[in-house]
Structure formats: C-alpha cells, structure tokens
C-alpha cells in the first residue's frame, strides 16, 4: 500500500477525463456546425456524423462512470484499482475501437475514391479490419478478466499490437492521401492547385496529430504499465479521432470559399477580356484565326472540366 501513488493513478485518470470532456464539447460544436453548414450532404454522411457523435456521448458517460466508481464508490479502497474492472471501463474500450475504426474507414474511403489502383485502399481497409478484430478481442477478454492488473500484464502484447496498428494505419492513410492529392494537383487549374495544397496541409496535420497521440499512449503503456498515465490518454483517443473527422468535414467551408473566389476571379477576368477594346483593327477572317479561337476555348473548357472532376472526387472531402 505504501507504493500507491494517487497522482499517477487517480490524478492521471481525472485529468484525462476532464480533457476528454473538453474535447467532447469541441466535438459537439463541430457536429452542430457541420449540420448547419452542409444541409445538402448525402444522408449516409449525416448518419455517419450522428453515429460518431452518439458514440462519443456514450463514451463520455462510461468514462465518467468509471471515474466515479473508483473515486467515490470505492473511496478509501485504492486496492480495488487492482481488482475486477468496472463494466463501464470495458464499455468505453469497445466504443473507442468503434470510433477509431469508423474514422479510419472514412479516410480509407477517400483513398478508394481518389485512387485508380485499389492496392492502397485495400491495404488501409485491411489495417482497419485487423484493428477492429483486435479491439473486439480485447473487449471480450476484458469482460472475463479477474483483475485489471493481471489483464494488462497478460495481454499487454495485444494492446501494444492494436495501438501500433492504429498508428501505422494513420501514417499509411496520411501518406496515401498526400500522394494521391499531389498527383491530382498536376492535372488541374492553378487556382484548384491552391485548393489542393490546403487539403494536403490539413491531411498531414490531422494524420500527424492522431498517429503521434497513439504513439505517445503506446510508449506510456509500455514504459509505465503500473500507473494510469496511459489510461488518462486512452480516454481521449476516441475524441482525437472524432474531432479529426469533424474538422475534415467542416474544413470544406474554407475550401469551398477558396474555390468560389478562384471561380469568381476567373469569370471576372474573362468578362474584362471580352469587353476590352483592341488597340488595333480586327484581323481579317481566315482559317488561322478560327484555329486559334477553337484552341483557346478548348483550353479554358479543359481547365473547367478538371475543376469539376476534382469537385466530383471531392464529395468525400
């Protein structure tokens, strides 16, 4: 009992739950903004956002119940931390798995839409499926565990494998999306290229954030398995994934404004050119003039077709 340290057990979990609640507030704001800004999105996308938000709300309730059980119900009995884990703990484990798998599956679908080759998409789908299988296995084993300490020691390799796959999946998804977007960048108009540059930047930022977070949690569990620093991070994992999804969807507001501004600037330029009085008399009607006019119109139309193609592929964004 002398070795018990409330700071690295109760304290770490308490801080994690508080930060998790703050992140849930951000998730609520982002979910509301999404429904307000994109009322015409496909129903399946709205359902996806609703399911993720509902899982987040249930997750916070289960995390709060776990904290209440250890800090209030079991007050004065720190040895119960090493006993049978509350059912709510196993519940938020499975919800964390569901949220992370849904979000990674969504980004994998982006790869599926953008890629002509299905190899990258199938690789990310495979990683996500294995991650789901490991998560459900951990959930089933946790339900049967006699003590949390024995479970974390006996199945530490399973937890480390699951988190390693999560981080690896984020890295593969990020690199795949960046590569595919970079390839598309060379096929579109200059203004649309700036639009893609912004997408690439945000893709890297969200991918690095989630993969770094998971890696830090993995390191904490591996180096400090006997305290709850890793669990304080674990209760925030679902929030990180949910917010990355919501931020990605809501970022389309800025990207849409960029696209409209670029389109408006191009239309204004075309209108100004059409009204411009030439300082010289028009050339005589001849075949060469017809050829030049047709070629110019084709190039402008080709650029616009490229932009429309990117907008079609961007429905997943």
C-alpha atoms as a PDB file:
ATOM      1  CA  UNK A   1       0.000   0.000   0.000  1.00  0.00           C
ATOM      2  CA  UNK A   2       2.958   2.320   0.608  1.00  0.00           C
ATOM      3  CA  UNK A   3       3.788   2.174  -3.090  1.00  0.00           C
ATOM      4  CA  UNK A   4       0.379   3.540  -4.065  1.00  0.00           C
ATOM      5  CA  UNK A   5       0.676   6.901  -5.817  1.00  0.00           C
ATOM      6  CA  UNK A   6      -2.646   8.737  -6.265  1.00  0.00           C
ATOM      7  CA  UNK A   7      -1.075  11.310  -8.588  1.00  0.00           C
ATOM      8  CA  UNK A   8      -0.153   8.807 -11.279  1.00  0.00           C
ATOM      9  CA  UNK A   9      -3.353   6.752 -10.859  1.00  0.00           C
ATOM     10  CA  UNK A  10      -6.406   8.726  -9.753  1.00  0.00           C
ATOM     11  CA  UNK A  11      -4.816  12.011 -10.797  1.00  0.00           C
ATOM     12  CA  UNK A  12      -3.837  10.875 -14.277  1.00  0.00           C
ATOM     13  CA  UNK A  13      -7.287   9.419 -14.912  1.00  0.00           C
ATOM     14  CA  UNK A  14      -9.038  12.526 -13.558  1.00  0.00           C
ATOM     15  CA  UNK A  15      -7.035  14.862 -15.799  1.00  0.00           C
ATOM     16  CA  UNK A  16      -7.697  12.597 -18.762  1.00  0.00           C
ATOM     17  CA  UNK A  17     -11.459  12.588 -18.155  1.00  0.00           C
ATOM     18  CA  UNK A  18     -11.552  16.383 -17.768  1.00  0.00           C
ATOM     19  CA  UNK A  19      -9.672  16.877 -21.036  1.00  0.00           C
ATOM     20  CA  UNK A  20     -11.896  14.268 -22.650  1.00  0.00           C
ATOM     21  CA  UNK A  21     -14.966  16.279 -21.610  1.00  0.00           C
ATOM     22  CA  UNK A  22     -13.433  19.440 -23.080  1.00  0.00           C
ATOM     23  CA  UNK A  23     -12.756  17.645 -26.365  1.00  0.00           C
ATOM     24  CA  UNK A  24     -16.326  16.336 -26.360  1.00  0.00           C
ATOM     25  CA  UNK A  25     -17.541  19.923 -26.114  1.00  0.00           C
ATOM     26  CA  UNK A  26     -15.466  20.715 -29.199  1.00  0.00           C
ATOM     27  CA  UNK A  27     -16.973  17.672 -30.928  1.00  0.00           C
ATOM     28  CA  UNK A  28     -20.488  18.928 -30.156  1.00  0.00           C
ATOM     29  CA  UNK A  29     -19.665  22.335 -31.610  1.00  0.00           C
ATOM     30  CA  UNK A  30     -18.189  20.807 -34.731  1.00  0.00           C
ATOM     31  CA  UNK A  31     -21.122  18.425 -35.203  1.00  0.00           C
ATOM     32  CA  UNK A  32     -23.562  21.342 -34.926  1.00  0.00           C
ATOM     33  CA  UNK A  33     -21.515  23.405 -37.384  1.00  0.00           C
ATOM     34  CA  UNK A  34     -21.495  20.515 -39.830  1.00  0.00           C
ATOM     35  CA  UNK A  35     -25.281  20.121 -39.877  1.00  0.00           C
ATOM     36  CA  UNK A  36     -25.751  23.897 -40.123  1.00  0.00           C
ATOM     37  CA  UNK A  37     -23.291  24.383 -42.984  1.00  0.00           C
ATOM     38  CA  UNK A  38     -23.907  21.283 -45.072  1.00  0.00           C
ATOM     39  CA  UNK A  39     -27.649  20.523 -45.023  1.00  0.00           C
ATOM     40  CA  UNK A  40     -27.485  19.106 -48.559  1.00  0.00           C
ATOM     41  CA  UNK A  41     -24.813  16.487 -47.827  1.00  0.00           C
ATOM     42  CA  UNK A  42     -25.724  12.860 -48.596  1.00  0.00           C
ATOM     43  CA  UNK A  43     -27.809  11.193 -45.911  1.00  0.00           C
ATOM     44  CA  UNK A  44     -25.196   8.486 -45.347  1.00  0.00           C
ATOM     45  CA  UNK A  45     -22.647  11.157 -44.414  1.00  0.00           C
ATOM     46  CA  UNK A  46     -25.066  12.782 -41.973  1.00  0.00           C
ATOM     47  CA  UNK A  47     -25.761   9.373 -40.433  1.00  0.00           C
ATOM     48  CA  UNK A  48     -22.019   8.791 -40.104  1.00  0.00           C
ATOM     49  CA  UNK A  49     -21.595  12.065 -38.212  1.00  0.00           C
ATOM     50  CA  UNK A  50     -24.575  11.257 -35.997  1.00  0.00           C
ATOM     51  CA  UNK A  51     -23.292   7.772 -35.165  1.00  0.00           C
ATOM     52  CA  UNK A  52     -19.830   9.064 -34.277  1.00  0.00           C
ATOM     53  CA  UNK A  53     -21.301  11.815 -32.092  1.00  0.00           C
ATOM     54  CA  UNK A  54     -23.628   9.344 -30.324  1.00  0.00           C
ATOM     55  CA  UNK A  55     -20.694   7.007 -29.651  1.00  0.00           C
ATOM     56  CA  UNK A  56     -18.777   9.967 -28.254  1.00  0.00           C
ATOM     57  CA  UNK A  57     -21.613  10.904 -25.905  1.00  0.00           C
ATOM     58  CA  UNK A  58     -21.979   7.317 -24.665  1.00  0.00           C
ATOM     59  CA  UNK A  59     -18.200   7.046 -24.345  1.00  0.00           C
ATOM     60  CA  UNK A  60     -18.033  10.113 -22.088  1.00  0.00           C
ATOM     61  CA  UNK A  61     -20.823   8.704 -19.921  1.00  0.00           C
ATOM     62  CA  UNK A  62     -18.996   5.384 -19.477  1.00  0.00           C
ATOM     63  CA  UNK A  63     -15.677   7.101 -18.778  1.00  0.00           C
ATOM     64  CA  UNK A  64     -17.357   9.307 -16.159  1.00  0.00           C
ATOM     65  CA  UNK A  65     -18.958   6.253 -14.537  1.00  0.00           C
ATOM     66  CA  UNK A  66     -15.569   4.524 -14.332  1.00  0.00           C
ATOM     67  CA  UNK A  67     -14.061   7.603 -12.690  1.00  0.00           C
ATOM     68  CA  UNK A  68     -16.993   7.914 -10.264  1.00  0.00           C
ATOM     69  CA  UNK A  69     -16.708   4.238  -9.311  1.00  0.00           C
ATOM     70  CA  UNK A  70     -13.026   4.482  -8.424  1.00  0.00           C
ATOM     71  CA  UNK A  71     -13.069   7.929  -6.815  1.00  0.00           C
ATOM     72  CA  UNK A  72     -16.430   7.887  -4.994  1.00  0.00           C
ATOM     73  CA  UNK A  73     -17.893   4.393  -4.719  1.00  0.00           C
ATOM     74  CA  UNK A  74     -14.521   2.845  -3.877  1.00  0.00           C
ATOM     75  CA  UNK A  75     -13.295   5.842  -1.872  1.00  0.00           C
ATOM     76  CA  UNK A  76     -10.702   4.822   0.696  1.00  0.00           C
ATOM     77  CA  UNK A  77     -10.035   1.498  -1.024  1.00  0.00           C
ATOM     78  CA  UNK A  78      -7.247   2.086  -3.568  1.00  0.00           C
ATOM     79  CA  UNK A  79      -6.590  -1.656  -3.644  1.00  0.00           C
ATOM     80  CA  UNK A  80      -9.784  -2.018  -5.681  1.00  0.00           C
ATOM     81  CA  UNK A  81      -7.972  -0.422  -8.585  1.00  0.00           C
ATOM     82  CA  UNK A  82      -6.228  -3.768  -8.936  1.00  0.00           C
ATOM     83  CA  UNK A  83      -9.492  -5.711  -8.691  1.00  0.00           C
ATOM     84  CA  UNK A  84     -12.119  -6.504 -11.278  1.00  0.00           C
ATOM     85  CA  UNK A  85     -12.546  -3.516 -13.630  1.00  0.00           C
ATOM     86  CA  UNK A  86     -15.945  -1.796 -13.795  1.00  0.00           C
ATOM     87  CA  UNK A  87     -18.176  -2.870 -16.665  1.00  0.00           C
ATOM     88  CA  UNK A  88     -18.198   0.743 -17.854  1.00  0.00           C
ATOM     89  CA  UNK A  89     -14.441   0.508 -18.479  1.00  0.00           C
ATOM     90  CA  UNK A  90     -14.866  -2.376 -20.895  1.00  0.00           C
ATOM     91  CA  UNK A  91     -17.744  -0.463 -22.468  1.00  0.00           C
ATOM     92  CA  UNK A  92     -15.687   2.591 -23.330  1.00  0.00           C
ATOM     93  CA  UNK A  93     -12.942   0.327 -24.675  1.00  0.00           C
ATOM     94  CA  UNK A  94     -15.257  -1.040 -27.366  1.00  0.00           C
ATOM     95  CA  UNK A  95     -16.635   2.434 -28.170  1.00  0.00           C
ATOM     96  CA  UNK A  96     -13.094   3.736 -28.598  1.00  0.00           C
ATOM     97  CA  UNK A  97     -12.450   0.930 -31.056  1.00  0.00           C
ATOM     98  CA  UNK A  98     -15.664   1.658 -32.974  1.00  0.00           C
ATOM     99  CA  UNK A  99     -14.980   5.393 -33.300  1.00  0.00           C
ATOM    100  CA  UNK A 100     -11.374   4.951 -34.411  1.00  0.00           C
ATOM    101  CA  UNK A 101     -12.339   2.258 -36.929  1.00  0.00           C
ATOM    102  CA  UNK A 102     -15.193   4.358 -38.356  1.00  0.00           C
ATOM    103  CA  UNK A 103     -12.920   7.372 -38.809  1.00  0.00           C
ATOM    104  CA  UNK A 104     -10.096   5.361 -40.340  1.00  0.00           C
ATOM    105  CA  UNK A 105     -12.627   3.658 -42.595  1.00  0.00           C
ATOM    106  CA  UNK A 106     -13.868   7.061 -43.755  1.00  0.00           C
ATOM    107  CA  UNK A 107     -10.377   8.212 -44.667  1.00  0.00           C
ATOM    108  CA  UNK A 108      -9.746   4.859 -46.345  1.00  0.00           C
ATOM    109  CA  UNK A 109     -12.809   5.535 -48.474  1.00  0.00           C
ATOM    110  CA  UNK A 110     -11.223   8.804 -49.548  1.00  0.00           C
ATOM    111  CA  UNK A 111      -8.260   6.825 -50.805  1.00  0.00           C
ATOM    112  CA  UNK A 112     -10.656   4.465 -52.593  1.00  0.00           C
ATOM    113  CA  UNK A 113     -12.296   7.430 -54.368  1.00  0.00           C
ATOM    114  CA  UNK A 114      -9.066   9.155 -55.389  1.00  0.00           C
ATOM    115  CA  UNK A 115      -7.000   6.110 -56.353  1.00  0.00           C
ATOM    116  CA  UNK A 116      -7.240   4.291 -59.671  1.00  0.00           C
ATOM    117  CA  UNK A 117      -5.251   1.445 -58.156  1.00  0.00           C
ATOM    118  CA  UNK A 118      -7.101  -0.283 -55.320  1.00  0.00           C
ATOM    119  CA  UNK A 119      -3.932  -1.565 -53.644  1.00  0.00           C
ATOM    120  CA  UNK A 120      -3.556   1.396 -51.273  1.00  0.00           C
ATOM    121  CA  UNK A 121      -7.255   1.433 -50.454  1.00  0.00           C
ATOM    122  CA  UNK A 122      -7.365  -2.298 -49.743  1.00  0.00           C
ATOM    123  CA  UNK A 123      -4.251  -2.021 -47.563  1.00  0.00           C
ATOM    124  CA  UNK A 124      -5.867   0.636 -45.374  1.00  0.00           C
ATOM    125  CA  UNK A 125      -9.128  -1.343 -45.278  1.00  0.00           C
ATOM    126  CA  UNK A 126      -7.160  -4.403 -44.141  1.00  0.00           C
ATOM    127  CA  UNK A 127      -5.371  -2.496 -41.375  1.00  0.00           C
ATOM    128  CA  UNK A 128      -8.691  -1.084 -40.186  1.00  0.00           C
ATOM    129  CA  UNK A 129     -10.343  -4.522 -40.195  1.00  0.00           C
ATOM    130  CA  UNK A 130      -7.495  -6.109 -38.215  1.00  0.00           C
ATOM    131  CA  UNK A 131      -7.651  -3.183 -35.777  1.00  0.00           C
ATOM    132  CA  UNK A 132     -11.367  -3.840 -35.285  1.00  0.00           C
ATOM    133  CA  UNK A 133     -10.738  -7.550 -34.704  1.00  0.00           C
ATOM    134  CA  UNK A 134      -8.058  -6.858 -32.101  1.00  0.00           C
ATOM    135  CA  UNK A 135     -10.253  -4.304 -30.357  1.00  0.00           C
ATOM    136  CA  UNK A 136     -13.196  -6.681 -30.092  1.00  0.00           C
ATOM    137  CA  UNK A 137     -10.870  -9.419 -28.822  1.00  0.00           C
ATOM    138  CA  UNK A 138      -9.563  -7.104 -26.108  1.00  0.00           C
ATOM    139  CA  UNK A 139     -13.128  -6.176 -25.178  1.00  0.00           C
ATOM    140  CA  UNK A 140     -14.135  -9.842 -24.825  1.00  0.00           C
ATOM    141  CA  UNK A 141     -11.055 -10.672 -22.749  1.00  0.00           C
ATOM    142  CA  UNK A 142     -11.546  -7.618 -20.526  1.00  0.00           C
ATOM    143  CA  UNK A 143     -15.087  -8.762 -19.698  1.00  0.00           C
ATOM    144  CA  UNK A 144     -13.660 -12.033 -18.364  1.00  0.00           C
ATOM    145  CA  UNK A 145     -10.656 -10.525 -16.571  1.00  0.00           C
ATOM    146  CA  UNK A 146     -10.479 -11.033 -12.809  1.00  0.00           C
ATOM    147  CA  UNK A 147      -8.215  -8.038 -12.247  1.00  0.00           C
ATOM    148  CA  UNK A 148      -7.136  -5.089 -14.348  1.00  0.00           C
ATOM    149  CA  UNK A 149      -3.503  -5.596 -13.335  1.00  0.00           C
ATOM    150  CA  UNK A 150      -3.472  -9.237 -14.435  1.00  0.00           C
ATOM    151  CA  UNK A 151      -5.152  -8.352 -17.714  1.00  0.00           C
ATOM    152  CA  UNK A 152      -2.675  -5.581 -18.564  1.00  0.00           C
ATOM    153  CA  UNK A 153       0.262  -7.892 -17.818  1.00  0.00           C
ATOM    154  CA  UNK A 154      -1.070 -10.989 -19.577  1.00  0.00           C
ATOM    155  CA  UNK A 155      -2.354  -9.245 -22.692  1.00  0.00           C
ATOM    156  CA  UNK A 156      -0.003  -6.296 -22.939  1.00  0.00           C
ATOM    157  CA  UNK A 157       1.207  -7.581 -26.310  1.00  0.00           C
ATOM    158  CA  UNK A 158      -2.349  -7.435 -27.628  1.00  0.00           C
ATOM    159  CA  UNK A 159      -2.784  -3.822 -26.551  1.00  0.00           C
ATOM    160  CA  UNK A 160       0.605  -2.849 -27.967  1.00  0.00           C
ATOM    161  CA  UNK A 161      -0.217  -4.559 -31.270  1.00  0.00           C
ATOM    162  CA  UNK A 162      -3.571  -2.799 -31.539  1.00  0.00           C
ATOM    163  CA  UNK A 163      -2.127   0.649 -30.837  1.00  0.00           C
ATOM    164  CA  UNK A 164       0.807   0.008 -33.164  1.00  0.00           C
ATOM    165  CA  UNK A 165      -1.637  -0.872 -35.938  1.00  0.00           C
ATOM    166  CA  UNK A 166      -3.657   2.252 -35.177  1.00  0.00           C
ATOM    167  CA  UNK A 167      -0.598   4.488 -35.508  1.00  0.00           C
ATOM    168  CA  UNK A 168       0.588   2.611 -38.601  1.00  0.00           C
ATOM    169  CA  UNK A 169      -2.859   2.912 -40.165  1.00  0.00           C
ATOM    170  CA  UNK A 170      -2.883   6.678 -39.620  1.00  0.00           C
ATOM    171  CA  UNK A 171       0.545   7.002 -41.209  1.00  0.00           C
ATOM    172  CA  UNK A 172      -0.370   4.848 -44.226  1.00  0.00           C
ATOM    173  CA  UNK A 173      -3.645   6.725 -44.746  1.00  0.00           C
ATOM    174  CA  UNK A 174      -1.930  10.112 -44.482  1.00  0.00           C
ATOM    175  CA  UNK A 175       0.889   9.220 -46.876  1.00  0.00           C
ATOM    176  CA  UNK A 176      -1.534   7.662 -49.360  1.00  0.00           C
ATOM    177  CA  UNK A 177      -3.829  10.688 -49.377  1.00  0.00           C
ATOM    178  CA  UNK A 178      -0.944  13.128 -49.711  1.00  0.00           C
ATOM    179  CA  UNK A 179       0.483  11.142 -52.634  1.00  0.00           C
ATOM    180  CA  UNK A 180      -2.855  10.890 -54.440  1.00  0.00           C
ATOM    181  CA  UNK A 181      -3.655  14.566 -53.928  1.00  0.00           C
ATOM    182  CA  UNK A 182      -0.209  15.541 -55.152  1.00  0.00           C
ATOM    183  CA  UNK A 183      -0.747  13.502 -58.319  1.00  0.00           C
ATOM    184  CA  UNK A 184      -4.116  15.188 -58.867  1.00  0.00           C
ATOM    185  CA  UNK A 185      -2.525  18.583 -58.325  1.00  0.00           C
ATOM    186  CA  UNK A 186      -0.646  18.342 -61.609  1.00  0.00           C
ATOM    187  CA  UNK A 187      -3.858  17.780 -63.578  1.00  0.00           C
ATOM    188  CA  UNK A 188      -5.919  20.802 -62.559  1.00  0.00           C
ATOM    189  CA  UNK A 189      -6.041  24.574 -62.965  1.00  0.00           C
ATOM    190  CA  UNK A 190      -3.692  26.786 -60.954  1.00  0.00           C
ATOM    191  CA  UNK A 191      -6.455  28.022 -58.617  1.00  0.00           C
ATOM    192  CA  UNK A 192      -7.578  24.452 -57.963  1.00  0.00           C
ATOM    193  CA  UNK A 193      -3.937  23.608 -57.236  1.00  0.00           C
ATOM    194  CA  UNK A 194      -4.013  26.102 -54.349  1.00  0.00           C
ATOM    195  CA  UNK A 195      -7.212  24.419 -53.180  1.00  0.00           C
ATOM    196  CA  UNK A 196      -5.441  21.034 -53.180  1.00  0.00           C
ATOM    197  CA  UNK A 197      -2.417  22.479 -51.362  1.00  0.00           C
ATOM    198  CA  UNK A 198      -4.708  23.416 -48.481  1.00  0.00           C
ATOM    199  CA  UNK A 199      -6.208  19.916 -48.411  1.00  0.00           C
ATOM    200  CA  UNK A 200      -2.726  18.354 -48.378  1.00  0.00           C
ATOM    201  CA  UNK A 201      -1.703  20.566 -45.464  1.00  0.00           C
ATOM    202  CA  UNK A 202      -4.751  19.656 -43.387  1.00  0.00           C
ATOM    203  CA  UNK A 203      -4.400  15.976 -44.242  1.00  0.00           C
ATOM    204  CA  UNK A 204      -0.851  15.972 -42.889  1.00  0.00           C
ATOM    205  CA  UNK A 205      -1.858  17.887 -39.758  1.00  0.00           C
ATOM    206  CA  UNK A 206      -4.726  15.559 -38.816  1.00  0.00           C
ATOM    207  CA  UNK A 207      -2.746  12.414 -39.638  1.00  0.00           C
ATOM    208  CA  UNK A 208       0.281  13.513 -37.620  1.00  0.00           C
ATOM    209  CA  UNK A 209      -1.908  14.518 -34.658  1.00  0.00           C
ATOM    210  CA  UNK A 210      -3.686  11.164 -34.309  1.00  0.00           C
ATOM    211  CA  UNK A 211      -0.642   8.987 -35.049  1.00  0.00           C
ATOM    212  CA  UNK A 212       1.560  10.950 -32.622  1.00  0.00           C
ATOM    213  CA  UNK A 213      -1.090  10.763 -29.903  1.00  0.00           C
ATOM    214  CA  UNK A 214      -1.436   6.991 -30.302  1.00  0.00           C
ATOM    215  CA  UNK A 215       2.345   6.531 -30.302  1.00  0.00           C
ATOM    216  CA  UNK A 216       2.728   8.522 -27.069  1.00  0.00           C
ATOM    217  CA  UNK A 217      -0.019   6.429 -25.447  1.00  0.00           C
ATOM    218  CA  UNK A 218       1.700   3.238 -26.581  1.00  0.00           C
ATOM    219  CA  UNK A 219       5.035   4.388 -25.121  1.00  0.00           C
ATOM    220  CA  UNK A 220       3.411   5.327 -21.799  1.00  0.00           C
ATOM    221  CA  UNK A 221       1.744   1.927 -21.526  1.00  0.00           C
ATOM    222  CA  UNK A 222       4.969   0.092 -22.380  1.00  0.00           C
ATOM    223  CA  UNK A 223       7.193   2.080 -20.011  1.00  0.00           C
ATOM    224  CA  UNK A 224       4.693   2.739 -17.181  1.00  0.00           C
ATOM    225  CA  UNK A 225       2.220  -0.168 -17.137  1.00  0.00           C
ATOM    226  CA  UNK A 226       1.606   0.067 -13.378  1.00  0.00           C
ATOM    227  CA  UNK A 227       0.086   3.545 -13.357  1.00  0.00           C
ATOM    228  CA  UNK A 228      -2.793   5.194 -15.205  1.00  0.00           C
ATOM    229  CA  UNK A 229      -0.933   7.736 -17.306  1.00  0.00           C
ATOM    230  CA  UNK A 230      -1.663   5.615 -20.370  1.00  0.00           C
ATOM    231  CA  UNK A 231      -5.324   5.321 -19.387  1.00  0.00           C
ATOM    232  CA  UNK A 232      -5.568   9.089 -18.980  1.00  0.00           C
ATOM    233  CA  UNK A 233      -4.553   9.286 -22.633  1.00  0.00           C
ATOM    234  CA  UNK A 234      -6.680   6.330 -23.679  1.00  0.00           C
ATOM    235  CA  UNK A 235      -9.918   8.010 -22.545  1.00  0.00           C
ATOM    236  CA  UNK A 236      -9.123  10.825 -25.027  1.00  0.00           C
ATOM    237  CA  UNK A 237      -8.306   8.624 -28.030  1.00  0.00           C
ATOM    238  CA  UNK A 238     -11.873   8.489 -29.352  1.00  0.00           C
ATOM    239  CA  UNK A 239     -12.118  12.303 -29.076  1.00  0.00           C
ATOM    240  CA  UNK A 240      -8.995  12.753 -31.173  1.00  0.00           C
ATOM    241  CA  UNK A 241     -10.377  10.606 -33.973  1.00  0.00           C
ATOM    242  CA  UNK A 242     -13.868  12.118 -33.858  1.00  0.00           C
ATOM    243  CA  UNK A 243     -12.559  15.675 -33.951  1.00  0.00           C
ATOM    244  CA  UNK A 244     -10.270  14.849 -36.866  1.00  0.00           C
ATOM    245  CA  UNK A 245     -13.321  13.602 -38.789  1.00  0.00           C
ATOM    246  CA  UNK A 246     -15.487  16.619 -37.919  1.00  0.00           C
ATOM    247  CA  UNK A 247     -12.674  19.086 -38.645  1.00  0.00           C
ATOM    248  CA  UNK A 248     -12.079  17.444 -42.010  1.00  0.00           C
ATOM    249  CA  UNK A 249     -15.740  17.771 -42.973  1.00  0.00           C
ATOM    250  CA  UNK A 250     -16.100  21.340 -41.711  1.00  0.00           C
ATOM    251  CA  UNK A 251     -12.900  22.464 -43.427  1.00  0.00           C
ATOM    252  CA  UNK A 252     -14.857  22.239 -46.674  1.00  0.00           C
ATOM    253  CA  UNK A 253     -16.332  25.650 -45.816  1.00  0.00           C
ATOM    254  CA  UNK A 254     -12.945  27.306 -46.232  1.00  0.00           C
ATOM    255  CA  UNK A 255     -12.127  25.173 -49.262  1.00  0.00           C
ATOM    256  CA  UNK A 256     -15.485  25.996 -50.844  1.00  0.00           C
ATOM    257  CA  UNK A 257     -14.808  29.710 -50.359  1.00  0.00           C
ATOM    258  CA  UNK A 258     -11.396  29.311 -51.969  1.00  0.00           C
ATOM    259  CA  UNK A 259     -12.942  27.527 -54.938  1.00  0.00           C
ATOM    260  CA  UNK A 260     -15.677  30.159 -55.316  1.00  0.00           C
ATOM    261  CA  UNK A 261     -13.183  33.010 -55.091  1.00  0.00           C
ATOM    262  CA  UNK A 262     -10.994  31.362 -57.698  1.00  0.00           C
ATOM    263  CA  UNK A 263     -14.002  30.803 -59.958  1.00  0.00           C
ATOM    264  CA  UNK A 264     -15.185  34.378 -59.421  1.00  0.00           C
ATOM    265  CA  UNK A 265     -11.765  35.812 -60.218  1.00  0.00           C
ATOM    266  CA  UNK A 266     -11.551  33.745 -63.388  1.00  0.00           C
ATOM    267  CA  UNK A 267     -15.057  34.783 -64.507  1.00  0.00           C
ATOM    268  CA  UNK A 268     -14.291  38.450 -63.824  1.00  0.00           C
ATOM    269  CA  UNK A 269     -11.092  38.170 -65.837  1.00  0.00           C
ATOM    270  CA  UNK A 270     -12.918  36.520 -68.748  1.00  0.00           C
ATOM    271  CA  UNK A 271     -15.593  39.244 -68.661  1.00  0.00           C
ATOM    272  CA  UNK A 272     -12.992  42.019 -68.630  1.00  0.00           C
ATOM    273  CA  UNK A 273     -11.151  40.468 -71.543  1.00  0.00           C
ATOM    274  CA  UNK A 274     -14.368  40.168 -73.547  1.00  0.00           C
ATOM    275  CA  UNK A 275     -15.173  43.879 -73.017  1.00  0.00           C
ATOM    276  CA  UNK A 276     -11.686  45.107 -73.793  1.00  0.00           C
ATOM    277  CA  UNK A 277     -11.466  47.229 -76.979  1.00  0.00           C
ATOM    278  CA  UNK A 278      -8.435  46.196 -79.015  1.00  0.00           C
ATOM    279  CA  UNK A 279      -5.980  48.997 -79.926  1.00  0.00           C
ATOM    280  CA  UNK A 280      -5.839  47.692 -83.481  1.00  0.00           C
ATOM    281  CA  UNK A 281      -8.420  46.749 -86.087  1.00  0.00           C
ATOM    282  CA  UNK A 282      -9.620  43.149 -86.028  1.00  0.00           C
ATOM    283  CA  UNK A 283      -7.696  40.774 -88.264  1.00  0.00           C
ATOM    284  CA  UNK A 284      -9.302  39.577 -91.455  1.00  0.00           C
ATOM    285  CA  UNK A 285     -11.437  36.469 -91.292  1.00  0.00           C
ATOM    286  CA  UNK A 286      -9.256  33.486 -92.129  1.00  0.00           C
ATOM    287  CA  UNK A 287      -8.686  29.848 -91.231  1.00  0.00           C
ATOM    288  CA  UNK A 288      -5.811  30.598 -88.872  1.00  0.00           C
ATOM    289  CA  UNK A 289      -7.990  32.879 -86.768  1.00  0.00           C
ATOM    290  CA  UNK A 290     -10.579  30.142 -86.460  1.00  0.00           C
ATOM    291  CA  UNK A 291      -7.936  27.646 -85.369  1.00  0.00           C
ATOM    292  CA  UNK A 292      -6.649  29.955 -82.630  1.00  0.00           C
ATOM    293  CA  UNK A 293     -10.131  30.669 -81.304  1.00  0.00           C
ATOM    294  CA  UNK A 294     -11.018  26.984 -81.106  1.00  0.00           C
ATOM    295  CA  UNK A 295      -7.779  26.144 -79.342  1.00  0.00           C
ATOM    296  CA  UNK A 296      -8.295  28.869 -76.698  1.00  0.00           C
ATOM    297  CA  UNK A 297     -11.845  27.785 -75.969  1.00  0.00           C
ATOM    298  CA  UNK A 298     -10.725  24.176 -75.612  1.00  0.00           C
ATOM    299  CA  UNK A 299      -8.058  25.031 -73.067  1.00  0.00           C
ATOM    300  CA  UNK A 300     -10.429  27.056 -70.894  1.00  0.00           C
ATOM    301  CA  UNK A 301     -13.058  24.331 -71.051  1.00  0.00           C
ATOM    302  CA  UNK A 302     -10.453  21.700 -70.235  1.00  0.00           C
ATOM    303  CA  UNK A 303      -9.429  23.593 -67.097  1.00  0.00           C
ATOM    304  CA  UNK A 304     -13.030  23.873 -66.001  1.00  0.00           C
ATOM    305  CA  UNK A 305     -13.601  20.191 -66.643  1.00  0.00           C
ATOM    306  CA  UNK A 306     -10.583  19.413 -64.457  1.00  0.00           C
ATOM    307  CA  UNK A 307     -12.005  21.557 -61.674  1.00  0.00           C
ATOM    308  CA  UNK A 308     -15.378  19.838 -61.947  1.00  0.00           C
ATOM    309  CA  UNK A 309     -13.639  16.490 -61.835  1.00  0.00           C
ATOM    310  CA  UNK A 310     -11.909  17.414 -58.622  1.00  0.00           C
ATOM    311  CA  UNK A 311     -15.192  18.641 -57.140  1.00  0.00           C
ATOM    312  CA  UNK A 312     -16.782  15.300 -58.031  1.00  0.00           C
ATOM    313  CA  UNK A 313     -13.950  13.409 -56.409  1.00  0.00           C
ATOM    314  CA  UNK A 314     -14.094  15.843 -53.505  1.00  0.00           C
ATOM    315  CA  UNK A 315     -17.502  14.671 -52.343  1.00  0.00           C
ATOM    316  CA  UNK A 316     -15.648  12.550 -49.810  1.00  0.00           C
ATOM    317  CA  UNK A 317     -13.956  15.682 -48.514  1.00  0.00           C
END
